[in-house]
Amino acid sequence: MTPDSPSFDPGRAARILAEDLRAIGSPERAAAEQRYLKSDLEFFGVTVPEMRRVVTAAVRRVPGLDREAALAWAVALWREPVHERRMAAVEVLRLVRTQLRPDDLATVEELIRDARTWALVDSLAGDIAGVIALRHPAEAWPRVDGWAGDPDFWVRRSALLTLLPGIRADRPDLARLERYALGMLAEKEFFIRKAIGWVLRETSKRDPEWVATWTAAHVLEMSGVTFREATRRLSPATTDRLRTLREGSPRG
């Protein structure tokens, strides 16, 4: 099945899915979410579990959905400035993520640049780009390396979060983690500081000694939020030792 197949019209599929989501939305939830995310998008007010249920059912109604059709469907969903449509676009890609190729990172990057919120960026990076990189490291990582130095902090955050699938699969790229983290450690942007800590926290679940050693080496350079996240899963004794090292830090 391809986007040109007469049996699948991505624009029509996007409209039907959007109608299904709108039908189960809550105006009260929509207003609350729009305020919480400080977004200019329209909101239907659909919960994430309900959105995933509806999208999964829609994908199952398209037997043999391939990557080209899924990409076209996701792009069609994304075109309208509606939060749930864009969440659905991410979910469509997440459901076919093992089919995606390194060249598809170009589309993922376009969506990241347009997203402007963690609610969309984090899954695009951690669930989609990260799986592509894990499956196709030689072709994918050079592009993600470019993200790590991008002027857009959402793109830089995405480089960090792309490391997560490898960490969770016990295939951490510690050299790349260190390179990315060191390049961003002095940044003031909260979402970067939080992401560095998040990646270190996930790494500490499998290699606490490496995280403790790395944190000790850079403890005076870390922001408070990075330190708190990095040490969250370490032993109390290790965390106390690292906290003692931070005493007197002007950035603590």
Protein backbone atom coordinates (compact mmCIF):
# COMPACT_ATOMS: atom_id res chain seq x y z
CA MET A 1 0.00 0.00 0.00
CA THR A 2 1.35 3.42 -0.92
CA PRO A 3 0.07 6.99 -0.62
CA ASP A 4 -0.85 6.78 -4.33
CA SER A 5 -2.93 3.63 -3.87
CA PRO A 6 -6.63 4.18 -4.74
CA SER A 7 -7.50 2.19 -1.61
CA PHE A 8 -5.92 4.71 0.75
CA ASP A 9 -6.38 8.47 0.79
CA PRO A 10 -4.25 10.02 3.57
CA GLY A 11 -6.21 13.27 3.56
CA ARG A 12 -9.52 11.47 3.94
CA ALA A 13 -8.05 9.16 6.59
CA ALA A 14 -6.85 12.22 8.51
CA ARG A 15 -10.28 13.88 8.37
CA ILE A 16 -12.08 10.74 9.59
CA LEU A 17 -9.61 10.25 12.43
CA ALA A 18 -9.92 13.90 13.45
CA GLU A 19 -13.72 13.60 13.50
CA ASP A 20 -13.48 10.50 15.70
CA LEU A 21 -11.22 12.38 18.13
CA ARG A 22 -13.37 15.49 18.18
CA ALA A 23 -16.41 13.37 19.03
CA ILE A 24 -14.89 12.10 22.28
CA GLY A 25 -13.34 15.40 23.37
CA SER A 26 -14.27 17.50 26.37
CA PRO A 27 -14.47 21.30 26.07
CA GLU A 28 -13.47 21.67 29.72
CA ARG A 29 -10.42 19.44 29.27
CA ALA A 30 -9.56 21.24 26.02
CA ALA A 31 -9.48 24.61 27.78
CA ALA A 32 -7.42 23.24 30.67
CA GLU A 33 -4.86 21.58 28.40
CA GLN A 34 -4.50 24.66 26.25
CA ARG A 35 -3.74 26.71 29.36
CA TYR A 36 -1.35 24.10 30.75
CA LEU A 37 0.67 23.80 27.54
CA LYS A 38 0.43 27.56 26.81
CA SER A 39 -0.44 26.64 23.23
CA ASP A 40 -2.04 28.53 20.36
CA LEU A 41 -3.34 25.29 18.86
CA GLU A 42 -6.97 24.22 18.93
CA PHE A 43 -7.69 21.44 21.42
CA PHE A 44 -10.42 18.79 21.36
CA GLY A 45 -9.81 17.74 24.97
CA VAL A 46 -9.01 14.05 24.46
CA THR A 47 -6.92 12.08 26.97
CA VAL A 48 -3.72 10.40 25.77
CA PRO A 49 -5.04 6.86 26.44
CA GLU A 50 -8.23 7.61 24.51
CA MET A 51 -6.27 9.19 21.65
CA ARG A 52 -4.05 6.12 21.43
CA ARG A 53 -7.04 3.80 21.50
CA VAL A 54 -8.74 5.64 18.63
CA VAL A 55 -5.56 5.87 16.53
CA THR A 56 -4.70 2.20 17.06
CA ALA A 57 -8.19 1.21 15.95
CA ALA A 58 -7.90 3.44 12.88
CA VAL A 59 -4.54 1.94 11.92
CA ARG A 60 -5.94 -1.58 12.31
CA ARG A 61 -8.67 -0.69 9.82
CA VAL A 62 -5.96 -0.17 7.17
CA PRO A 63 -4.46 -3.64 6.60
CA GLY A 64 -0.94 -3.61 5.26
CA LEU A 65 -0.29 0.03 6.10
CA ASP A 66 3.28 0.69 4.97
CA ARG A 67 5.73 3.41 5.89
CA GLU A 68 5.00 5.66 2.90
CA ALA A 69 1.27 5.62 3.56
CA ALA A 70 1.82 6.12 7.28
CA LEU A 71 4.12 9.09 6.67
CA ALA A 72 1.60 10.66 4.30
CA TRP A 73 -1.18 10.10 6.83
CA ALA A 74 0.88 11.66 9.63
CA VAL A 75 1.75 14.70 7.51
CA ALA A 76 -1.93 15.15 6.56
CA LEU A 77 -2.93 15.01 10.23
CA TRP A 78 -0.23 17.49 11.20
CA ARG A 79 -1.23 20.15 8.66
CA GLU A 80 -4.16 21.39 10.72
CA PRO A 81 -3.23 23.34 13.90
CA VAL A 82 -5.07 21.02 16.27
CA HIS A 83 -3.24 19.44 19.20
CA GLU A 84 -4.98 16.06 18.99
CA ARG A 85 -4.44 15.83 15.24
CA ARG A 86 -0.74 16.34 15.82
CA MET A 87 -0.70 13.87 18.70
CA ALA A 88 -2.42 11.40 16.38
CA ALA A 89 0.22 12.03 13.71
CA VAL A 90 2.93 11.15 16.21
CA GLU A 91 1.02 8.05 17.26
CA VAL A 92 0.63 6.84 13.66
CA LEU A 93 4.40 7.10 13.24
CA ARG A 94 5.00 5.44 16.60
CA LEU A 95 2.88 2.47 15.55
CA VAL A 96 4.97 1.92 12.39
CA ARG A 97 8.30 3.01 13.89
CA THR A 98 10.06 -0.27 13.12
CA GLN A 99 9.34 0.29 9.42
CA LEU A 100 10.83 3.78 9.33
CA ARG A 101 14.19 4.44 7.69
CA PRO A 102 17.01 6.92 8.27
CA ASP A 103 15.74 9.11 5.41
CA ASP A 104 12.48 9.50 7.33
CA LEU A 105 14.33 11.48 9.99
CA ALA A 106 13.96 14.46 7.65
CA THR A 107 10.18 14.32 8.17
CA VAL A 108 10.58 13.72 11.90
CA GLU A 109 12.85 16.75 12.12
CA GLU A 110 10.34 18.95 10.30
CA LEU A 111 7.67 17.94 12.82
CA ILE A 112 10.00 18.57 15.77
CA ARG A 113 10.79 22.07 14.49
CA ASP A 114 7.10 22.84 14.12
CA ALA A 115 5.98 21.24 17.39
CA ARG A 116 7.32 23.78 19.93
CA THR A 117 6.16 21.70 22.92
CA TRP A 118 7.48 18.74 24.90
CA ALA A 119 4.06 17.10 24.53
CA LEU A 120 4.87 16.41 20.87
CA VAL A 121 8.66 16.65 20.71
CA ASP A 122 9.44 14.03 23.34
CA SER A 123 7.67 11.17 21.58
CA LEU A 124 8.96 12.21 18.15
CA ALA A 125 12.49 12.03 19.54
CA GLY A 126 12.36 9.29 22.15
CA ASP A 127 9.85 6.90 20.56
CA ILE A 128 10.46 7.45 16.85
CA ALA A 129 13.84 9.01 16.05
CA GLY A 130 15.46 6.92 18.78
CA VAL A 131 14.12 3.66 17.34
CA ILE A 132 15.31 4.61 13.85
CA ALA A 133 18.77 5.36 15.26
CA LEU A 134 18.83 2.11 17.23
CA ARG A 135 17.94 0.07 14.13
CA HIS A 136 20.06 2.03 11.63
CA PRO A 137 22.93 3.56 13.61
CA ALA A 138 25.41 4.16 10.80
CA GLU A 139 22.91 6.10 8.69
CA ALA A 140 20.83 7.80 11.40
CA TRP A 141 23.29 9.11 13.97
CA PRO A 142 25.10 11.57 11.69
CA ARG A 143 21.83 13.49 11.27
CA VAL A 144 21.04 13.35 14.99
CA ASP A 145 24.58 14.55 15.76
CA GLY A 146 23.66 17.67 13.80
CA TRP A 147 20.61 18.16 16.02
CA ALA A 148 22.84 18.34 19.10
CA GLY A 149 24.31 21.63 17.89
CA ASP A 150 21.17 23.11 16.35
CA PRO A 151 20.12 26.69 17.26
CA ASP A 152 16.62 25.44 18.14
CA PHE A 153 16.60 24.11 21.72
CA TRP A 154 13.75 21.71 20.92
CA VAL A 155 15.95 20.10 18.27
CA ARG A 156 18.87 19.94 20.72
CA ARG A 157 16.58 18.35 23.32
CA SER A 158 15.54 15.83 20.68
CA ALA A 159 19.15 14.76 20.14
CA LEU A 160 19.40 13.89 23.84
CA LEU A 161 16.09 12.03 23.95
CA THR A 162 16.97 10.04 20.83
CA LEU A 163 19.47 8.22 23.07
CA LEU A 164 16.71 6.74 25.26
CA PRO A 165 15.73 3.61 23.26
CA GLY A 166 19.33 2.46 23.13
CA ILE A 167 19.73 3.00 26.88
CA ARG A 168 16.53 1.07 27.63
CA ALA A 169 17.61 -1.75 25.32
CA ASP A 170 20.91 -2.08 27.24
CA ARG A 171 22.79 -0.68 24.26
CA PRO A 172 23.75 2.75 25.61
CA ASP A 173 25.98 4.99 23.54
CA LEU A 174 27.90 6.47 26.47
CA ALA A 175 30.42 8.31 24.32
CA ARG A 176 27.63 10.09 22.43
CA LEU A 177 25.71 10.77 25.65
CA GLU A 178 28.80 12.39 27.14
CA ARG A 179 29.44 14.45 24.01
CA TYR A 180 25.88 15.72 23.83
CA ALA A 181 25.60 16.38 27.57
CA LEU A 182 28.91 18.22 27.82
CA GLY A 183 27.98 20.38 24.85
CA MET A 184 24.77 21.47 26.57
CA LEU A 185 25.65 21.34 30.27
CA ALA A 186 26.12 25.10 30.61
CA GLU A 187 22.80 25.95 28.94
CA LYS A 188 20.20 27.95 30.85
CA GLU A 189 17.19 26.48 29.01
CA PHE A 190 15.11 24.39 31.45
CA PHE A 191 14.08 21.82 28.84
CA ILE A 192 17.71 21.12 28.01
CA ARG A 193 18.74 20.87 31.66
CA LYS A 194 15.83 18.52 32.34
CA ALA A 195 16.64 16.35 29.31
CA ILE A 196 20.28 15.88 30.32
CA GLY A 197 19.15 14.75 33.76
CA TRP A 198 16.47 12.50 32.27
CA VAL A 199 18.97 10.68 30.06
CA LEU A 200 21.40 10.30 32.96
CA ARG A 201 18.60 9.00 35.20
CA GLU A 202 17.63 6.35 32.65
CA THR A 203 21.28 5.36 32.26
CA SER A 204 21.66 5.05 36.03
CA LYS A 205 19.02 2.29 36.11
CA ARG A 206 21.48 0.04 34.26
CA ASP A 207 24.87 1.60 34.96
CA PRO A 208 24.71 3.59 38.21
CA GLU A 209 28.48 3.54 38.61
CA TRP A 210 29.05 5.30 35.29
CA VAL A 211 26.44 7.96 36.09
CA ALA A 212 27.83 8.51 39.58
CA THR A 213 31.37 8.89 38.22
CA TRP A 214 30.27 11.22 35.42
CA THR A 215 28.14 13.29 37.78
CA ALA A 216 31.01 13.62 40.24
CA ALA A 217 33.28 14.85 37.45
CA HIS A 218 30.79 17.55 36.39
CA VAL A 219 28.84 18.19 39.58
CA LEU A 220 29.81 21.85 39.82
CA GLU A 221 28.78 22.50 36.21
CA MET A 222 25.31 20.99 36.57
CA SER A 223 22.14 22.92 37.20
CA GLY A 224 20.02 21.86 40.14
CA VAL A 225 17.40 20.18 37.95
CA THR A 226 20.06 18.18 36.06
CA PHE A 227 21.63 17.04 39.33
CA ARG A 228 18.29 16.06 40.87
CA GLU A 229 17.31 13.98 37.85
CA ALA A 230 20.76 12.41 37.46
CA THR A 231 20.83 11.24 41.08
CA ARG A 232 17.19 10.26 41.45
CA ARG A 233 17.85 6.52 40.96
CA LEU A 234 21.26 6.37 42.63
CA SER A 235 21.67 4.97 46.14
CA PRO A 236 21.10 7.39 49.03
CA ALA A 237 24.74 7.06 50.05
CA THR A 238 25.97 7.92 46.55
CA THR A 239 23.56 10.82 46.27
CA ASP A 240 24.68 12.18 49.63
CA ARG A 241 28.31 11.97 48.57
CA LEU A 242 27.58 13.80 45.32
CA ARG A 243 25.50 16.41 47.13
CA THR A 244 28.43 17.05 49.45
CA LEU A 245 30.62 17.65 46.39
CA ARG A 246 28.17 20.31 45.25
CA GLU A 247 28.48 22.30 48.46
CA GLY A 248 29.81 25.72 47.71
CA SER A 249 28.89 25.55 44.01
CA PRO A 250 27.60 28.95 42.80
CA ARG A 251 25.14 27.09 40.53
CA GLY A 252 23.82 24.66 43.12
